[in-house]
C-alpha atoms as a PDB file:
ATOM      1  CA  MET A   1      18.609 -40.950 -83.299  1.00  0.00           C
ATOM      2  CA  ALA A   2      17.026 -42.939 -80.507  1.00  0.00           C
ATOM      3  CA  GLU A   3      19.605 -44.367 -78.142  1.00  0.00           C
ATOM      4  CA  THR A   4      17.255 -47.101 -76.869  1.00  0.00           C
ATOM      5  CA  GLY A   5      17.889 -49.517 -79.719  1.00  0.00           C
ATOM      6  CA  ALA A   6      15.728 -49.667 -82.799  1.00  0.00           C
ATOM      7  CA  GLU A   7      14.305 -46.432 -84.056  1.00  0.00           C
ATOM      8  CA  ILE A   8      10.540 -45.980 -83.910  1.00  0.00           C
ATOM      9  CA  GLN A   9       8.983 -47.063 -87.203  1.00  0.00           C
ATOM     10  CA  ALA A  10       6.782 -44.725 -89.212  1.00  0.00           C
ATOM     11  CA  VAL A  11       3.407 -46.127 -90.355  1.00  0.00           C
ATOM     12  CA  THR A  12       1.581 -44.942 -93.485  1.00  0.00           C
ATOM     13  CA  ASP A  13      -2.109 -44.779 -94.387  1.00  0.00           C
ATOM     14  CA  ALA A  14      -1.598 -47.803 -96.629  1.00  0.00           C
ATOM     15  CA  GLU A  15      -0.020 -49.940 -93.844  1.00  0.00           C
ATOM     16  CA  PHE A  16      -2.189 -48.746 -90.961  1.00  0.00           C
ATOM     17  CA  GLU A  17      -4.758 -51.517 -91.018  1.00  0.00           C
ATOM     18  CA  SER A  18      -2.303 -54.352 -91.390  1.00  0.00           C
ATOM     19  CA  ILE A  19       0.325 -53.043 -88.972  1.00  0.00           C
ATOM     20  CA  VAL A  20      -1.797 -51.306 -86.269  1.00  0.00           C
ATOM     21  CA  LEU A  21      -5.358 -52.643 -86.417  1.00  0.00           C
ATOM     22  CA  LYS A  22      -4.408 -56.266 -86.920  1.00  0.00           C
ATOM     23  CA  ALA A  23      -1.596 -56.321 -84.398  1.00  0.00           C
ATOM     24  CA  ASP A  24      -1.659 -59.018 -81.736  1.00  0.00           C
ATOM     25  CA  ARG A  25      -0.457 -56.675 -79.024  1.00  0.00           C
ATOM     26  CA  PRO A  26      -1.131 -53.082 -77.958  1.00  0.00           C
ATOM     27  CA  VAL A  27       0.093 -50.437 -80.443  1.00  0.00           C
ATOM     28  CA  LEU A  28       0.870 -46.841 -79.460  1.00  0.00           C
ATOM     29  CA  VAL A  29       0.731 -44.440 -82.426  1.00  0.00           C
ATOM     30  CA  ASP A  30       2.175 -40.935 -82.123  1.00  0.00           C
ATOM     31  CA  PHE A  31       0.395 -38.669 -84.661  1.00  0.00           C
ATOM     32  CA  TRP A  32       2.721 -35.737 -85.375  1.00  0.00           C
ATOM     33  CA  ALA A  33       3.981 -33.227 -87.956  1.00  0.00           C
ATOM     34  CA  ALA A  34       7.349 -31.605 -88.557  1.00  0.00           C
ATOM     35  CA  TRP A  35       5.966 -28.092 -87.885  1.00  0.00           C
ATOM     36  CA  CYS A  36       4.413 -29.066 -84.525  1.00  0.00           C
ATOM     37  CA  GLY A  37       6.431 -27.803 -81.514  1.00  0.00           C
ATOM     38  CA  PRO A  38       4.642 -29.875 -78.856  1.00  0.00           C
ATOM     39  CA  CYS A  39       5.174 -32.952 -81.047  1.00  0.00           C
ATOM     40  CA  ARG A  40       8.919 -32.535 -80.533  1.00  0.00           C
ATOM     41  CA  MET A  41       8.302 -32.463 -76.769  1.00  0.00           C
ATOM     42  CA  ILE A  42       6.474 -35.768 -76.921  1.00  0.00           C
ATOM     43  CA  ALA A  43       8.996 -37.527 -79.152  1.00  0.00           C
ATOM     44  CA  PRO A  44      11.503 -38.373 -76.338  1.00  0.00           C
ATOM     45  CA  ILE A  45       8.680 -39.719 -74.176  1.00  0.00           C
ATOM     46  CA  VAL A  46       7.487 -41.985 -76.986  1.00  0.00           C
ATOM     47  CA  GLU A  47      11.136 -43.124 -77.556  1.00  0.00           C
ATOM     48  CA  GLN A  48      11.566 -43.946 -73.839  1.00  0.00           C
ATOM     49  CA  LEU A  49       8.342 -45.977 -73.848  1.00  0.00           C
ATOM     50  CA  HIS A  50       9.600 -47.823 -76.968  1.00  0.00           C
ATOM     51  CA  GLY A  51      12.832 -48.598 -75.183  1.00  0.00           C
ATOM     52  CA  GLU A  52      11.162 -49.809 -71.974  1.00  0.00           C
ATOM     53  CA  LEU A  53       8.174 -51.700 -73.371  1.00  0.00           C
ATOM     54  CA  GLY A  54       9.280 -52.369 -76.955  1.00  0.00           C
ATOM     55  CA  ASP A  55       9.155 -56.154 -76.610  1.00  0.00           C
ATOM     56  CA  LYS A  56       5.582 -56.074 -75.229  1.00  0.00           C
ATOM     57  CA  VAL A  57       4.008 -53.348 -77.315  1.00  0.00           C
ATOM     58  CA  THR A  58       4.489 -51.821 -80.720  1.00  0.00           C
ATOM     59  CA  VAL A  59       5.327 -48.131 -80.903  1.00  0.00           C
ATOM     60  CA  MET A  60       4.778 -46.295 -84.198  1.00  0.00           C
ATOM     61  CA  LYS A  61       4.581 -42.717 -85.450  1.00  0.00           C
ATOM     62  CA  MET A  62       2.529 -41.197 -88.271  1.00  0.00           C
ATOM     63  CA  ASP A  63       3.244 -37.910 -90.026  1.00  0.00           C
ATOM     64  CA  ILE A  64      -0.194 -36.475 -90.545  1.00  0.00           C
ATOM     65  CA  ASP A  65       0.893 -34.282 -93.426  1.00  0.00           C
ATOM     66  CA  GLU A  66       2.122 -37.235 -95.412  1.00  0.00           C
ATOM     67  CA  ASN A  67      -0.753 -39.524 -94.358  1.00  0.00           C
ATOM     68  CA  PRO A  68      -3.943 -37.501 -93.983  1.00  0.00           C
ATOM     69  CA  ALA A  69      -6.559 -40.272 -94.414  1.00  0.00           C
ATOM     70  CA  THR A  70      -5.959 -42.140 -91.162  1.00  0.00           C
ATOM     71  CA  PRO A  71      -6.028 -39.073 -88.885  1.00  0.00           C
ATOM     72  CA  ILE A  72      -9.222 -37.900 -90.602  1.00  0.00           C
ATOM     73  CA  SER A  73     -10.870 -41.312 -90.186  1.00  0.00           C
ATOM     74  CA  LEU A  74      -9.934 -41.304 -86.483  1.00  0.00           C
ATOM     75  CA  GLY A  75     -11.257 -37.764 -85.980  1.00  0.00           C
ATOM     76  CA  ILE A  76      -7.902 -36.292 -84.954  1.00  0.00           C
ATOM     77  CA  ALA A  77      -8.443 -32.556 -84.779  1.00  0.00           C
ATOM     78  CA  SER A  78      -5.194 -31.420 -83.187  1.00  0.00           C
ATOM     79  CA  ILE A  79      -1.688 -32.768 -82.664  1.00  0.00           C
ATOM     80  CA  PRO A  80       0.161 -34.129 -80.970  1.00  0.00           C
ATOM     81  CA  THR A  81      -2.270 -36.953 -80.424  1.00  0.00           C
ATOM     82  CA  VAL A  82      -1.180 -40.305 -79.092  1.00  0.00           C
ATOM     83  CA  ILE A  83      -3.598 -43.206 -79.481  1.00  0.00           C
ATOM     84  CA  ILE A  84      -3.165 -46.652 -77.969  1.00  0.00           C
ATOM     85  CA  PHE A  85      -4.847 -49.366 -80.021  1.00  0.00           C
ATOM     86  CA  LYS A  86      -5.846 -52.784 -78.633  1.00  0.00           C
ATOM     87  CA  ASP A  87      -7.558 -55.487 -80.723  1.00  0.00           C
ATOM     88  CA  GLY A  88      -8.021 -53.117 -83.646  1.00  0.00           C
ATOM     89  CA  LYS A  89      -9.767 -50.365 -81.687  1.00  0.00           C
ATOM     90  CA  PRO A  90      -8.584 -47.169 -79.971  1.00  0.00           C
ATOM     91  CA  ALA A  91      -8.283 -47.990 -76.270  1.00  0.00           C
ATOM     92  CA  ASP A  92      -6.929 -44.652 -75.143  1.00  0.00           C
ATOM     93  CA  ARG A  93      -6.355 -41.195 -76.643  1.00  0.00           C
ATOM     94  CA  THR A  94      -4.103 -38.440 -75.288  1.00  0.00           C
ATOM     95  CA  VAL A  95      -4.194 -35.048 -76.986  1.00  0.00           C
ATOM     96  CA  GLY A  96      -1.414 -32.506 -76.404  1.00  0.00           C
ATOM     97  CA  TYR A  97       1.589 -32.508 -74.172  1.00  0.00           C
ATOM     98  CA  ARG A  98       1.251 -32.581 -70.379  1.00  0.00           C
ATOM     99  CA  PRO A  99       3.518 -33.205 -67.381  1.00  0.00           C
ATOM    100  CA  ASN A 100       3.768 -36.908 -66.292  1.00  0.00           C
ATOM    101  CA  MET A 101       2.616 -37.994 -69.779  1.00  0.00           C
ATOM    102  CA  LYS A 102       5.161 -40.773 -69.776  1.00  0.00           C
ATOM    103  CA  GLY A 103       3.926 -42.233 -66.500  1.00  0.00           C
ATOM    104  CA  ASP A 104       0.298 -42.022 -67.644  1.00  0.00           C
ATOM    105  CA  LEU A 105       0.982 -43.649 -71.003  1.00  0.00           C
ATOM    106  CA  LYS A 106       3.169 -46.350 -69.532  1.00  0.00           C
ATOM    107  CA  ALA A 107       0.485 -47.270 -66.946  1.00  0.00           C
ATOM    108  CA  LYS A 108      -2.177 -47.418 -69.683  1.00  0.00           C
ATOM    109  CA  LEU A 109       0.072 -49.613 -71.883  1.00  0.00           C
ATOM    110  CA  GLU A 110       0.979 -51.918 -69.040  1.00  0.00           C
ATOM    111  CA  ALA A 111      -2.708 -52.347 -68.204  1.00  0.00           C
ATOM    112  CA  LEU A 112      -3.334 -53.509 -71.772  1.00  0.00           C
ATOM    113  CA  ILE A 113      -0.433 -55.925 -72.056  1.00  0.00           C
ATOM    114  CA  SER A 114      -1.685 -59.516 -71.928  1.00  0.00           C
ATOM    115  CA  PRO A 115       0.028 -61.619 -69.263  1.00  0.00           C
ATOM    116  CA  ALA A 116       2.672 -63.840 -70.837  1.00  0.00           C
END
């Protein structure tokens, strides 16, 4: 599916705390659903970020229909929503699709990456 190497992993409600909140690097989570048209517009952007920054950040996606608890606990009211987590807390939230979304998200992620 993604031509940039490994496919983006899906995260579930059960795994969210251990995989996302306890991660030792920034984690971008794309909250989506199969019926959401704008979510399909964001998917290639998220895949490109995964390909370009995948060794410095973790990129995940969560189907909100299959995993309703986490989006509710985060107060996600509409999708697509992309949240960047750092040190177990949401550091940035982007709701909806917009032009130059990739550049914005990449800049925000790069600002959160700890120097090696």
